[in-house]
Amino acid sequence: MHRLRYFLKRNSWIFLLLVVGCSSALKEVEQAEKDKVGTQLFQYYARNFPITVFPFTYQGRETNFLYLEDALAETVGVVLQTMEKQSVVIDGKEYVRLRGFPEALETQIVSAKVASWKMYIITNQSIVTQKQLVVLTNAWLVTTNTNLQEKTTNFLRFCTNQYEAFLQKEFSSLMSEISRLPVSWSYTNDRTNMLISNAMPLAISTNSYGESYTYRGEIRGRFMVQQNPLGPSEVQVTIEMVKILATHTNRGQLTLKTTEDKLYEKILEKQGEIRRFYLGDELASIEVVSEPEGVDFYIDGQYIGRTPLFYDSILPGKHSLRLLREGYSSLYADVVLSGKTTNRLKFTLEGMDRSGVVILDGESNRMVFLNSRYEGVTPLVISNLFLSQSYTILLRSDDRNYEDIYTSFVLTREKPTMVLTVGKGRSIQQRQWQRNVAYGLCYTSWGITLGLMVGHWYTSALEEYYRDQLYNPLLTDSQQAAYASQVALYSHMRENLFSYGILSSLLSLALTGYALSTEEVYVEYNSQQKIWGVTYRKEF
């Protein structure tokens, strides 16, 4: 008992670490179980909102305008392409009720090791009882001696009437995700389907999920042409839109009248109304002006057009903007757009000074590439470079036994001219030898560190063993002195091995960094684009 108390006293920190580690491990197991079920639930409910575009119907007799049946549908498809990264908002609770409880996942949910889920699980009992038999024969009551036997079987079931509360509490982000259906669109040349009229009831058929409800959209149309022998004919187009959300059906209609040569532009002008019909009325609009004009404008990585421009029907909230024009500094900005209004944005791009000069001197006949564009061979002077813009130079030798040389630089107003002395560079064999030496030292240092750790634990165990022997009352004075010297020896060794182990681990980390640097791969942060990237770089 004394040894146990002594061991606990000496190693209490180990047990503390074990308790903390076990608690953390249990939380990780619980979170892993929850994430696994959440992923499968998302897969069960995940779906998109498909919009099908049908050929337009020509209400005329002239055959020379039949090409517009497909052309108008394809133009509407251009509008739908801008909606593919956006979502149609639906009633998530209604969708969950219609889709129902995923019975295939019930066993996994009730067996998951998540403490907060126990309140949603009920235990049903299946009881089988052998009753006593009573027989009435010849007016005498005869009772059998059958013993009563009872067999009970317990099985777990999910309380499905609390399923919505379960999703709201345990998977609130999932409810938000399944309430937004990503838009997808397709074009079909099926001309057998007639245009859905407003008076015609819409029949909801079973969809690909085997459900008696659906979430989808349809676009059909018709057009009439009034021929003009002296110029472009006049075309009147009617676009019919249908939006089906489970058991609710919304309909919309757009009418435009223009000449044959301006049909494309006129339909694109209606894209705001089409987007609002499917994406909702909470959308925002933006009006962008810039100084100078003619700047390429991007929203969330998608090209919109050149300034000045007006763009309708964008989801409100935070968006990332990018403006690019040659000769000007790129502009990146995050904006928060308000819904149901036009957000007016004005940007000014700073012109870039082209007074930068780079002089390459030293090794001759090296091919020079500036930002992947061939400039000539060394010695070379490159002028008219933009200040404050990053450049990358690649130098390539005719002798393929030597590596290519890379360098990146930025010219500034304080230092608009840079002189680079080109060396011969490293040979491929030299770099391979350096890499092998670096990794050899790295592996050796980690091996030594591991050996010191094992030695530390081993000497700790020997120290504890000889320390326990000191409490033996049968020991003689000479034996007790010998054990005491062993305890002092192994205690000193343990402390030294611990110190050497710390130093060895630090040295191993440094050698690991050096070995990775021989690969010449660097992780860098681009402050302009606000992203992390991997750069392969070789300096002069």
Protein backbone atom coordinates (compact mmCIF):
# COMPACT_ATOMS: atom_id res chain seq x y z
CA MET A 1 0.00 0.00 0.00
CA HIS A 2 2.90 2.29 0.83
CA ARG A 3 4.42 1.62 -2.59
CA LEU A 4 1.12 2.46 -4.30
CA ARG A 5 0.84 5.78 -2.45
CA TYR A 6 4.44 6.59 -3.28
CA PHE A 7 3.93 5.70 -6.95
CA LEU A 8 0.77 7.84 -7.14
CA LYS A 9 2.56 10.72 -5.49
CA ARG A 10 5.50 10.54 -7.88
CA ASN A 11 3.38 10.06 -11.02
CA SER A 12 0.20 12.00 -10.25
CA TRP A 13 0.74 14.15 -13.33
CA ILE A 14 0.64 11.02 -15.49
CA PHE A 15 -2.80 10.11 -14.17
CA LEU A 16 -3.96 13.69 -14.67
CA LEU A 17 -2.85 13.53 -18.28
CA LEU A 18 -4.59 10.16 -18.68
CA VAL A 19 -7.87 11.55 -17.29
CA VAL A 20 -7.71 14.62 -19.52
CA GLY A 21 -6.73 12.47 -22.50
CA CYS A 22 -9.58 10.01 -21.91
CA SER A 23 -12.09 12.87 -21.54
CA SER A 24 -10.83 14.44 -24.75
CA ALA A 25 -10.91 11.08 -26.53
CA LEU A 26 -14.52 10.49 -25.46
CA LYS A 27 -15.52 13.92 -26.75
CA GLU A 28 -13.77 13.23 -30.02
CA VAL A 29 -15.54 9.87 -30.34
CA GLU A 30 -18.89 11.53 -29.61
CA GLN A 31 -18.22 14.29 -32.14
CA ALA A 32 -17.10 11.75 -34.74
CA GLU A 33 -20.34 9.79 -34.24
CA LYS A 34 -22.35 12.98 -34.57
CA ASP A 35 -20.49 14.09 -37.70
CA LYS A 36 -20.98 10.66 -39.27
CA VAL A 37 -24.73 10.69 -38.66
CA GLY A 38 -24.91 14.33 -39.81
CA THR A 39 -23.20 13.45 -43.08
CA GLN A 40 -25.59 10.59 -43.76
CA LEU A 41 -28.60 12.73 -42.88
CA PHE A 42 -27.39 15.39 -45.31
CA GLN A 43 -26.99 12.76 -48.02
CA TYR A 44 -30.52 11.55 -47.26
CA TYR A 45 -32.04 15.01 -47.62
CA ALA A 46 -29.66 16.51 -50.21
CA ARG A 47 -31.27 17.42 -53.51
CA ASN A 48 -31.16 20.21 -56.04
CA PHE A 49 -33.76 22.39 -57.71
CA PRO A 50 -33.77 21.43 -61.41
CA ILE A 51 -35.15 23.91 -63.92
CA THR A 52 -36.04 22.47 -67.30
CA VAL A 53 -36.16 24.73 -70.36
CA PHE A 54 -38.40 23.59 -73.22
CA PRO A 55 -38.35 24.79 -76.83
CA PHE A 56 -40.48 27.84 -77.47
CA THR A 57 -43.62 27.46 -79.58
CA TYR A 58 -43.84 29.45 -82.78
CA GLN A 59 -47.39 30.71 -83.37
CA GLY A 60 -47.04 31.42 -87.06
CA ARG A 61 -46.85 29.77 -90.46
CA GLU A 62 -43.56 31.01 -91.89
CA THR A 63 -40.86 28.36 -91.64
CA ASN A 64 -37.92 30.77 -91.76
CA PHE A 65 -38.46 31.68 -88.06
CA LEU A 66 -38.50 28.14 -86.66
CA TYR A 67 -34.84 28.50 -85.63
CA LEU A 68 -36.00 30.86 -82.87
CA GLU A 69 -37.70 27.96 -81.04
CA ASP A 70 -34.35 26.61 -79.90
CA ALA A 71 -32.47 29.93 -79.96
CA LEU A 72 -34.83 31.56 -77.45
CA ALA A 73 -34.62 28.56 -75.11
CA GLU A 74 -30.81 28.61 -75.27
CA THR A 75 -30.79 32.33 -74.47
CA VAL A 76 -32.88 31.67 -71.37
CA GLY A 77 -30.31 29.00 -70.48
CA VAL A 78 -27.62 31.70 -70.44
CA VAL A 79 -29.61 33.46 -67.71
CA LEU A 80 -29.96 30.23 -65.74
CA GLN A 81 -26.19 29.65 -65.89
CA THR A 82 -25.71 32.66 -63.60
CA MET A 83 -28.01 31.01 -61.05
CA GLU A 84 -26.16 27.69 -60.79
CA LYS A 85 -24.12 28.76 -57.73
CA GLN A 86 -27.23 30.06 -55.95
CA SER A 87 -30.09 28.34 -54.15
CA VAL A 88 -33.86 28.29 -53.98
CA VAL A 89 -35.08 28.73 -50.41
CA ILE A 90 -37.77 26.26 -49.32
CA ASP A 91 -39.59 25.47 -46.09
CA GLY A 92 -37.13 23.07 -44.44
CA LYS A 93 -39.61 21.82 -41.83
CA GLU A 94 -42.19 21.02 -44.50
CA TYR A 95 -39.57 19.20 -46.55
CA VAL A 96 -38.50 17.12 -43.52
CA ARG A 97 -42.12 16.18 -42.82
CA LEU A 98 -42.69 15.17 -46.44
CA ARG A 99 -39.40 13.29 -46.79
CA GLY A 100 -39.98 11.55 -43.47
CA PHE A 101 -37.72 9.90 -40.93
CA PRO A 102 -34.77 7.97 -42.42
CA GLU A 103 -35.62 4.49 -41.19
CA ALA A 104 -32.42 3.08 -42.69
CA LEU A 105 -30.43 5.25 -40.26
CA GLU A 106 -32.49 4.48 -37.15
CA THR A 107 -30.16 1.75 -35.88
CA GLN A 108 -27.12 3.98 -36.30
CA ILE A 109 -28.78 6.92 -34.56
CA VAL A 110 -29.97 4.96 -31.52
CA SER A 111 -26.61 3.18 -31.16
CA ALA A 112 -24.51 6.34 -31.47
CA LYS A 113 -22.48 7.20 -28.38
CA VAL A 114 -23.89 10.70 -28.00
CA ALA A 115 -25.18 11.46 -24.51
CA SER A 116 -27.63 14.20 -25.55
CA TRP A 117 -29.45 11.84 -27.92
CA LYS A 118 -30.68 9.48 -25.19
CA MET A 119 -33.71 11.66 -24.51
CA TYR A 120 -34.98 10.96 -28.05
CA ILE A 121 -34.69 7.18 -27.73
CA ILE A 122 -37.41 4.97 -26.23
CA THR A 123 -37.22 1.35 -25.12
CA ASN A 124 -39.99 -0.96 -26.26
CA GLN A 125 -40.60 -4.30 -24.54
CA SER A 126 -41.83 -7.43 -26.23
CA ILE A 127 -43.31 -9.74 -23.51
CA VAL A 128 -44.17 -13.41 -24.10
CA THR A 129 -46.04 -15.16 -21.23
CA GLN A 130 -47.07 -18.84 -20.92
CA LYS A 131 -50.39 -18.73 -19.09
CA GLN A 132 -51.78 -21.36 -16.69
CA LEU A 133 -54.26 -23.70 -18.38
CA VAL A 134 -57.71 -24.27 -16.84
CA VAL A 135 -59.78 -27.21 -18.17
CA LEU A 136 -63.38 -28.09 -17.22
CA THR A 137 -63.99 -31.84 -17.64
CA ASN A 138 -67.07 -33.84 -16.47
CA ALA A 139 -68.16 -30.96 -14.30
CA TRP A 140 -64.87 -31.11 -12.42
CA LEU A 141 -62.44 -28.23 -12.45
CA VAL A 142 -59.02 -29.53 -13.38
CA THR A 143 -56.03 -27.15 -13.11
CA THR A 144 -52.74 -27.99 -14.74
CA ASN A 145 -49.43 -27.60 -12.97
CA THR A 146 -47.91 -25.48 -15.76
CA ASN A 147 -45.48 -22.89 -14.38
CA LEU A 148 -45.80 -19.30 -15.47
CA GLN A 149 -42.91 -18.32 -17.73
CA GLU A 150 -42.19 -14.77 -18.88
CA LYS A 151 -39.71 -13.74 -21.58
CA THR A 152 -38.95 -10.07 -22.12
CA THR A 153 -37.05 -8.63 -25.07
CA ASN A 154 -35.94 -4.98 -25.05
CA PHE A 155 -35.25 -3.08 -28.26
CA LEU A 156 -34.51 0.57 -28.88
CA ARG A 157 -36.47 2.84 -31.15
CA PHE A 158 -36.18 6.50 -32.08
CA CYS A 159 -39.01 8.71 -30.91
CA THR A 160 -40.12 9.87 -34.34
CA ASN A 161 -42.65 12.40 -33.02
CA GLN A 162 -39.67 14.40 -31.68
CA TYR A 163 -37.62 14.10 -34.87
CA GLU A 164 -38.02 17.74 -35.92
CA ALA A 165 -36.95 18.94 -32.46
CA PHE A 166 -34.00 16.54 -32.68
CA LEU A 167 -32.84 18.04 -35.98
CA GLN A 168 -33.35 21.62 -34.80
CA LYS A 169 -31.30 21.10 -31.63
CA GLU A 170 -28.60 18.65 -32.72
CA PHE A 171 -28.21 19.61 -36.39
CA SER A 172 -29.26 23.25 -36.68
CA SER A 173 -26.80 23.88 -39.50
CA LEU A 174 -28.20 20.86 -41.36
CA MET A 175 -31.70 22.35 -41.28
CA SER A 176 -30.30 25.53 -42.77
CA GLU A 177 -28.49 23.60 -45.52
CA ILE A 178 -31.43 21.44 -46.58
CA SER A 179 -33.62 24.55 -46.74
CA ARG A 180 -31.50 25.84 -49.65
CA LEU A 181 -31.69 23.78 -52.85
CA PRO A 182 -28.87 24.48 -55.34
CA VAL A 183 -30.14 25.44 -58.77
CA SER A 184 -29.39 23.23 -61.77
CA TRP A 185 -30.83 23.56 -65.22
CA SER A 186 -31.15 21.52 -68.39
CA TYR A 187 -32.52 21.94 -71.88
CA THR A 188 -34.78 19.38 -73.52
CA ASN A 189 -35.94 19.33 -77.11
CA ASP A 190 -39.08 17.41 -76.16
CA ARG A 191 -41.77 19.16 -78.17
CA THR A 192 -44.59 16.81 -77.15
CA ASN A 193 -45.28 18.67 -73.88
CA MET A 194 -47.75 21.45 -74.41
CA LEU A 195 -47.34 24.79 -72.68
CA ILE A 196 -48.81 24.79 -69.19
CA SER A 197 -51.67 27.24 -69.12
CA ASN A 198 -52.70 29.11 -65.99
CA ALA A 199 -56.10 27.45 -66.05
CA MET A 200 -54.72 23.93 -66.32
CA PRO A 201 -54.23 22.15 -62.97
CA LEU A 202 -50.70 20.83 -62.48
CA ALA A 203 -50.47 17.11 -61.80
CA ILE A 204 -47.77 16.21 -59.30
CA SER A 205 -46.22 12.92 -60.36
CA THR A 206 -43.81 10.72 -58.44
CA ASN A 207 -40.26 11.99 -58.83
CA SER A 208 -36.91 10.16 -58.96
CA TYR A 209 -36.88 9.87 -55.16
CA GLY A 210 -40.08 7.82 -55.21
CA GLU A 211 -42.03 10.65 -53.59
CA SER A 212 -45.44 12.02 -54.46
CA TYR A 213 -44.19 15.62 -54.26
CA THR A 214 -41.50 17.48 -56.13
CA TYR A 215 -39.29 20.56 -56.14
CA ARG A 216 -38.56 21.77 -59.66
CA GLY A 217 -39.06 24.52 -62.19
CA GLU A 218 -40.06 24.73 -65.83
CA ILE A 219 -39.70 27.43 -68.46
CA ARG A 220 -41.66 27.36 -71.68
CA GLY A 221 -42.65 30.09 -74.09
CA ARG A 222 -44.28 31.17 -77.31
CA PHE A 223 -43.58 33.88 -79.82
CA MET A 224 -45.15 35.62 -82.78
CA VAL A 225 -43.34 37.37 -85.63
CA GLN A 226 -44.47 40.32 -87.70
CA GLN A 227 -42.37 40.31 -90.83
CA ASN A 228 -40.75 43.50 -92.07
CA PRO A 229 -39.42 43.20 -95.64
CA LEU A 230 -37.34 46.38 -95.25
CA GLY A 231 -35.52 45.49 -92.01
CA PRO A 232 -35.46 43.27 -88.92
CA SER A 233 -38.80 41.64 -88.19
CA GLU A 234 -40.68 42.47 -84.99
CA VAL A 235 -40.94 39.63 -82.47
CA GLN A 236 -43.24 39.35 -79.45
CA VAL A 237 -42.12 36.74 -76.90
CA THR A 238 -44.03 35.39 -73.91
CA ILE A 239 -42.06 33.47 -71.30
CA GLU A 240 -44.01 31.15 -68.98
CA MET A 241 -42.30 30.20 -65.68
CA VAL A 242 -43.41 27.52 -63.22
CA LYS A 243 -41.96 27.01 -59.74
CA ILE A 244 -43.13 23.91 -57.87
CA LEU A 245 -42.37 23.67 -54.13
CA ALA A 246 -43.83 20.39 -52.84
CA THR A 247 -47.59 20.91 -53.04
CA HIS A 248 -47.37 24.64 -53.90
CA THR A 249 -47.14 25.88 -57.47
CA ASN A 250 -46.17 29.43 -58.45
CA ARG A 251 -46.51 30.78 -61.96
CA GLY A 252 -45.06 33.81 -63.66
CA GLN A 253 -45.17 35.37 -67.10
CA LEU A 254 -42.93 37.82 -68.92
CA THR A 255 -43.73 39.54 -72.20
CA LEU A 256 -41.29 41.45 -74.35
CA LYS A 257 -41.52 43.01 -77.77
CA THR A 258 -38.46 43.85 -79.84
CA THR A 259 -36.82 43.35 -83.20
CA GLU A 260 -35.26 40.08 -84.28
CA ASP A 261 -31.67 41.34 -84.00
CA LYS A 262 -32.09 42.52 -80.37
CA LEU A 263 -33.78 39.45 -78.90
CA TYR A 264 -30.65 38.32 -77.02
CA GLU A 265 -30.11 41.68 -75.28
CA LYS A 266 -33.80 42.04 -74.39
CA ILE A 267 -33.99 38.60 -72.77
CA LEU A 268 -30.85 39.32 -70.76
CA GLU A 269 -32.50 42.52 -69.56
CA LYS A 270 -35.27 40.32 -68.11
CA GLN A 271 -32.82 38.15 -66.15
CA GLY A 272 -33.51 40.10 -62.96
CA GLU A 273 -37.22 39.17 -63.07
CA ILE A 274 -36.41 35.52 -63.86
CA ARG A 275 -33.92 35.33 -61.01
CA ARG A 276 -36.33 36.97 -58.57
CA PHE A 277 -39.11 34.56 -59.52
CA TYR A 278 -37.02 31.50 -58.64
CA LEU A 279 -34.65 32.84 -55.99
CA GLY A 280 -37.08 35.08 -54.10
CA ASP A 281 -37.94 38.74 -53.62
CA GLU A 282 -35.21 39.46 -51.07
CA LEU A 283 -32.51 39.82 -53.72
CA ALA A 284 -30.23 42.80 -54.12
CA SER A 285 -29.06 44.80 -57.12
CA ILE A 286 -25.74 46.54 -57.66
CA GLU A 287 -24.67 49.48 -59.74
CA VAL A 288 -20.90 49.61 -60.19
CA VAL A 289 -18.86 52.55 -61.46
CA SER A 290 -15.08 52.79 -61.47
CA GLU A 291 -12.29 55.16 -62.26
CA PRO A 292 -11.12 54.39 -64.90
CA GLU A 293 -13.95 52.71 -66.78
CA GLY A 294 -13.67 49.39 -68.60
CA VAL A 295 -12.52 47.42 -65.54
CA ASP A 296 -13.24 43.68 -65.43
CA PHE A 297 -15.62 43.07 -62.52
CA TYR A 298 -15.94 39.75 -60.63
CA ILE A 299 -18.33 38.68 -57.86
CA ASP A 300 -17.35 35.62 -55.83
CA GLY A 301 -14.95 34.61 -58.59
CA GLN A 302 -17.58 34.85 -61.37
CA TYR A 303 -17.03 37.33 -64.18
CA ILE A 304 -19.93 39.79 -64.48
CA GLY A 305 -18.79 42.34 -67.04
CA ARG A 306 -16.96 45.63 -67.49
CA THR A 307 -17.72 48.80 -65.62
CA PRO A 308 -19.89 50.79 -65.59
CA LEU A 309 -22.58 48.13 -65.17
CA PHE A 310 -25.84 47.27 -63.46
CA TYR A 311 -26.39 43.74 -62.21
CA ASP A 312 -29.73 42.63 -60.83
CA SER A 313 -30.87 39.89 -58.44
CA ILE A 314 -27.96 38.95 -56.19
CA LEU A 315 -28.38 37.17 -52.89
CA PRO A 316 -28.01 39.71 -50.07
CA GLY A 317 -25.15 39.31 -47.62
CA LYS A 318 -21.38 39.26 -47.83
CA HIS A 319 -19.69 38.92 -51.24
CA SER A 320 -16.09 39.09 -52.43
CA LEU A 321 -15.37 41.52 -55.28
CA ARG A 322 -12.39 41.77 -57.59
CA LEU A 323 -11.58 44.45 -60.16
CA LEU A 324 -8.83 43.98 -62.75
CA ARG A 325 -7.37 46.11 -65.49
CA GLU A 326 -3.97 46.00 -67.11
CA GLY A 327 -1.74 48.82 -65.97
CA TYR A 328 -3.63 49.31 -62.70
CA SER A 329 -3.34 47.72 -59.28
CA SER A 330 -5.83 44.92 -58.74
CA LEU A 331 -8.53 45.75 -56.22
CA TYR A 332 -10.06 43.22 -53.83
CA ALA A 333 -12.95 44.09 -51.52
CA ASP A 334 -15.59 42.42 -49.36
CA VAL A 335 -19.00 44.08 -49.32
CA VAL A 336 -22.30 43.37 -47.61
CA LEU A 337 -25.25 43.86 -49.96
CA SER A 338 -28.71 44.82 -48.72
CA GLY A 339 -31.76 43.11 -50.15
CA LYS A 340 -34.69 44.77 -51.91
CA THR A 341 -32.58 47.74 -52.96
CA THR A 342 -29.91 48.88 -55.40
CA ASN A 343 -26.45 48.97 -53.86
CA ARG A 344 -24.30 51.62 -55.54
CA LEU A 345 -20.58 50.86 -55.51
CA LYS A 346 -17.77 53.12 -56.65
CA PHE A 347 -14.12 52.08 -56.92
CA THR A 348 -10.94 53.88 -57.90
CA LEU A 349 -8.00 51.87 -59.21
CA GLU A 350 -4.50 53.23 -58.79
CA GLY A 351 -2.44 53.45 -61.93
CA MET A 352 0.83 51.58 -61.85
CA ASP A 353 4.12 53.33 -62.56
CA ARG A 354 6.04 51.65 -65.42
CA SER A 355 9.47 53.00 -64.55
CA GLY A 356 10.86 49.74 -63.20
CA VAL A 357 14.07 48.28 -64.66
CA VAL A 358 15.79 44.93 -64.05
CA ILE A 359 19.37 44.35 -65.14
CA LEU A 360 20.57 40.74 -65.48
CA ASP A 361 24.35 40.36 -65.51
CA GLY A 362 26.85 37.57 -64.96
CA GLU A 363 26.50 34.13 -66.57
CA SER A 364 25.90 34.47 -70.32
CA ASN A 365 23.46 32.73 -72.66
CA ARG A 366 20.85 32.03 -70.01
CA MET A 367 17.31 32.11 -71.41
CA VAL A 368 15.17 34.58 -69.45
CA PHE A 369 11.41 34.18 -68.85
CA LEU A 370 9.50 36.95 -67.05
CA ASN A 371 6.13 35.76 -65.72
CA SER A 372 6.32 32.83 -68.21
CA ARG A 373 7.02 35.20 -71.16
CA TYR A 374 10.31 34.83 -73.02
CA GLU A 375 12.40 38.03 -72.89
CA GLY A 376 15.79 37.02 -74.34
CA VAL A 377 19.18 35.75 -73.11
CA THR A 378 21.60 37.15 -70.56
CA PRO A 379 23.08 39.69 -70.26
CA LEU A 380 19.75 41.50 -70.55
CA VAL A 381 17.99 44.71 -69.49
CA ILE A 382 14.20 44.58 -68.98
CA SER A 383 12.48 47.96 -68.70
CA ASN A 384 8.94 49.41 -68.50
CA LEU A 385 8.07 47.20 -65.53
CA PHE A 386 5.20 48.09 -63.19
CA LEU A 387 6.11 49.21 -59.70
CA SER A 388 4.49 47.43 -56.72
CA GLN A 389 3.72 44.38 -58.86
CA SER A 390 5.16 40.96 -58.21
CA TYR A 391 7.31 39.41 -60.94
CA THR A 392 8.92 36.00 -61.29
CA ILE A 393 12.02 35.41 -63.40
CA LEU A 394 13.05 31.97 -64.64
CA LEU A 395 16.59 31.42 -65.93
CA ARG A 396 17.23 28.30 -67.98
CA SER A 397 20.62 27.00 -69.08
CA ASP A 398 21.36 25.10 -72.29
CA ASP A 399 23.16 22.53 -70.14
CA ARG A 400 20.32 20.44 -68.73
CA ASN A 401 22.61 19.09 -66.00
CA TYR A 402 21.95 22.37 -64.18
CA GLU A 403 18.68 23.32 -62.59
CA ASP A 404 16.44 26.18 -63.61
CA ILE A 405 16.76 29.22 -61.38
CA TYR A 406 13.73 31.09 -60.12
CA THR A 407 13.48 34.38 -58.27
CA SER A 408 10.60 36.68 -57.34
CA PHE A 409 10.84 40.41 -56.76
CA VAL A 410 8.79 43.58 -56.40
CA LEU A 411 10.05 46.95 -57.60
CA THR A 412 9.11 50.01 -55.54
CA ARG A 413 9.35 53.78 -55.87
CA GLU A 414 12.26 53.74 -53.45
CA LYS A 415 14.03 51.05 -55.46
CA PRO A 416 12.78 51.11 -59.08
CA THR A 417 15.95 49.48 -60.47
CA MET A 418 17.31 46.07 -59.55
CA VAL A 419 20.57 44.46 -60.62
CA LEU A 420 20.69 40.66 -60.44
CA THR A 421 23.94 38.80 -60.87
CA VAL A 422 23.26 35.50 -62.58
CA GLY A 423 25.33 32.57 -61.37
CA LYS A 424 25.90 29.17 -62.88
CA GLY A 425 23.47 27.60 -60.45
CA ARG A 426 23.49 24.21 -58.85
CA SER A 427 23.87 20.97 -60.68
CA ILE A 428 21.17 18.36 -60.33
CA GLN A 429 23.67 15.92 -58.75
CA GLN A 430 24.72 18.52 -56.17
CA ARG A 431 21.12 19.18 -55.16
CA GLN A 432 20.38 15.44 -54.90
CA TRP A 433 23.44 14.96 -52.69
CA GLN A 434 22.38 17.85 -50.45
CA ARG A 435 18.87 16.46 -50.18
CA ASN A 436 20.08 12.98 -49.22
CA VAL A 437 22.41 14.39 -46.55
CA ALA A 438 19.63 16.58 -45.12
CA TYR A 439 17.15 13.72 -44.86
CA GLY A 440 19.82 11.39 -43.46
CA LEU A 441 20.60 13.83 -40.66
CA CYS A 442 16.89 14.34 -40.06
CA TYR A 443 16.13 10.61 -39.69
CA THR A 444 19.25 10.06 -37.54
CA SER A 445 18.34 12.88 -35.14
CA TRP A 446 14.81 11.58 -34.70
CA GLY A 447 16.19 8.09 -34.07
CA ILE A 448 18.49 9.45 -31.36
CA THR A 449 15.58 11.38 -29.85
CA LEU A 450 13.47 8.21 -29.74
CA GLY A 451 16.34 6.31 -28.12
CA LEU A 452 16.73 8.98 -25.44
CA MET A 453 13.00 8.81 -24.70
CA VAL A 454 13.11 5.03 -24.33
CA GLY A 455 16.19 5.35 -22.12
CA HIS A 456 14.41 7.91 -19.96
CA TRP A 457 11.45 5.61 -19.35
CA TYR A 458 13.72 2.62 -18.75
CA THR A 459 15.90 4.40 -16.15
CA SER A 460 12.72 5.73 -14.48
CA ALA A 461 11.46 2.17 -14.13
CA LEU A 462 14.82 0.98 -12.66
CA GLU A 463 14.87 3.91 -10.25
CA GLU A 464 11.38 3.01 -9.02
CA TYR A 465 12.37 -0.63 -8.67
CA TYR A 466 15.43 0.03 -6.51
CA ARG A 467 13.55 2.67 -4.53
CA ASP A 468 10.88 0.09 -3.69
CA GLN A 469 13.61 -2.32 -2.52
CA LEU A 470 14.72 0.20 0.14
CA TYR A 471 11.47 -0.41 2.03
CA ASN A 472 12.28 -4.09 2.52
CA PRO A 473 12.85 -4.53 6.31
CA LEU A 474 15.00 -7.64 5.76
CA LEU A 475 17.80 -5.73 4.02
CA THR A 476 21.20 -5.49 5.64
CA ASP A 477 23.02 -2.20 5.92
CA SER A 478 25.33 -3.04 3.03
CA GLN A 479 22.41 -4.04 0.78
CA GLN A 480 20.50 -0.89 1.69
CA ALA A 481 23.56 1.24 0.86
CA ALA A 482 23.96 -0.56 -2.47
CA TYR A 483 20.29 0.01 -3.37
CA ALA A 484 20.54 3.66 -2.36
CA SER A 485 23.52 4.14 -4.66
CA GLN A 486 21.58 2.51 -7.51
CA VAL A 487 18.65 4.87 -6.89
CA ALA A 488 20.98 7.89 -7.01
CA LEU A 489 22.68 6.58 -10.17
CA TYR A 490 19.47 5.96 -12.12
CA SER A 491 17.93 9.23 -10.89
CA HIS A 492 20.94 11.12 -12.25
CA MET A 493 20.77 9.19 -15.53
CA ARG A 494 17.03 9.85 -15.86
CA GLU A 495 17.48 13.61 -15.41
CA ASN A 496 20.35 13.71 -17.93
CA LEU A 497 18.42 11.66 -20.49
CA PHE A 498 15.43 13.99 -20.13
CA SER A 499 17.58 17.06 -20.74
CA TYR A 500 19.35 15.47 -23.70
CA GLY A 501 15.99 14.35 -25.09
CA ILE A 502 14.65 17.92 -25.08
CA LEU A 503 17.77 19.21 -26.85
CA SER A 504 17.66 16.34 -29.34
CA SER A 505 13.99 16.96 -30.17
CA LEU A 506 14.69 20.66 -30.83
CA LEU A 507 17.64 19.73 -33.05
CA SER A 508 15.44 17.19 -34.88
CA LEU A 509 12.81 19.86 -35.61
CA ALA A 510 15.48 22.18 -36.99
CA LEU A 511 16.91 19.43 -39.21
CA THR A 512 13.38 18.59 -40.41
CA GLY A 513 12.87 22.21 -41.47
CA TYR A 514 16.22 22.15 -43.26
CA ALA A 515 15.33 18.92 -45.07
CA LEU A 516 12.04 20.39 -46.24
CA SER A 517 13.79 23.56 -47.40
CA THR A 518 15.91 21.44 -49.75
CA GLU A 519 12.68 20.65 -51.57
CA GLU A 520 12.36 24.43 -52.03
CA VAL A 521 8.62 24.42 -51.49
CA TYR A 522 7.32 27.30 -49.39
CA VAL A 523 3.89 28.13 -48.00
CA GLU A 524 3.28 31.86 -48.38
CA TYR A 525 0.41 34.25 -47.70
CA ASN A 526 -0.69 36.57 -50.49
CA SER A 527 -1.78 39.76 -48.71
CA GLN A 528 -3.43 41.18 -51.84
CA GLN A 529 -5.57 38.15 -52.66
CA LYS A 530 -5.87 37.18 -48.97
CA ILE A 531 -5.14 33.53 -49.65
CA TRP A 532 -2.48 31.01 -48.73
CA GLY A 533 -0.53 29.39 -51.52
CA VAL A 534 2.35 27.01 -52.17
CA THR A 535 5.32 28.52 -54.02
CA TYR A 536 8.19 26.66 -55.67
CA ARG A 537 11.16 28.96 -55.54
CA LYS A 538 14.91 28.81 -56.22
CA GLU A 539 16.93 31.91 -55.50
CA PHE A 540 20.06 33.03 -57.34
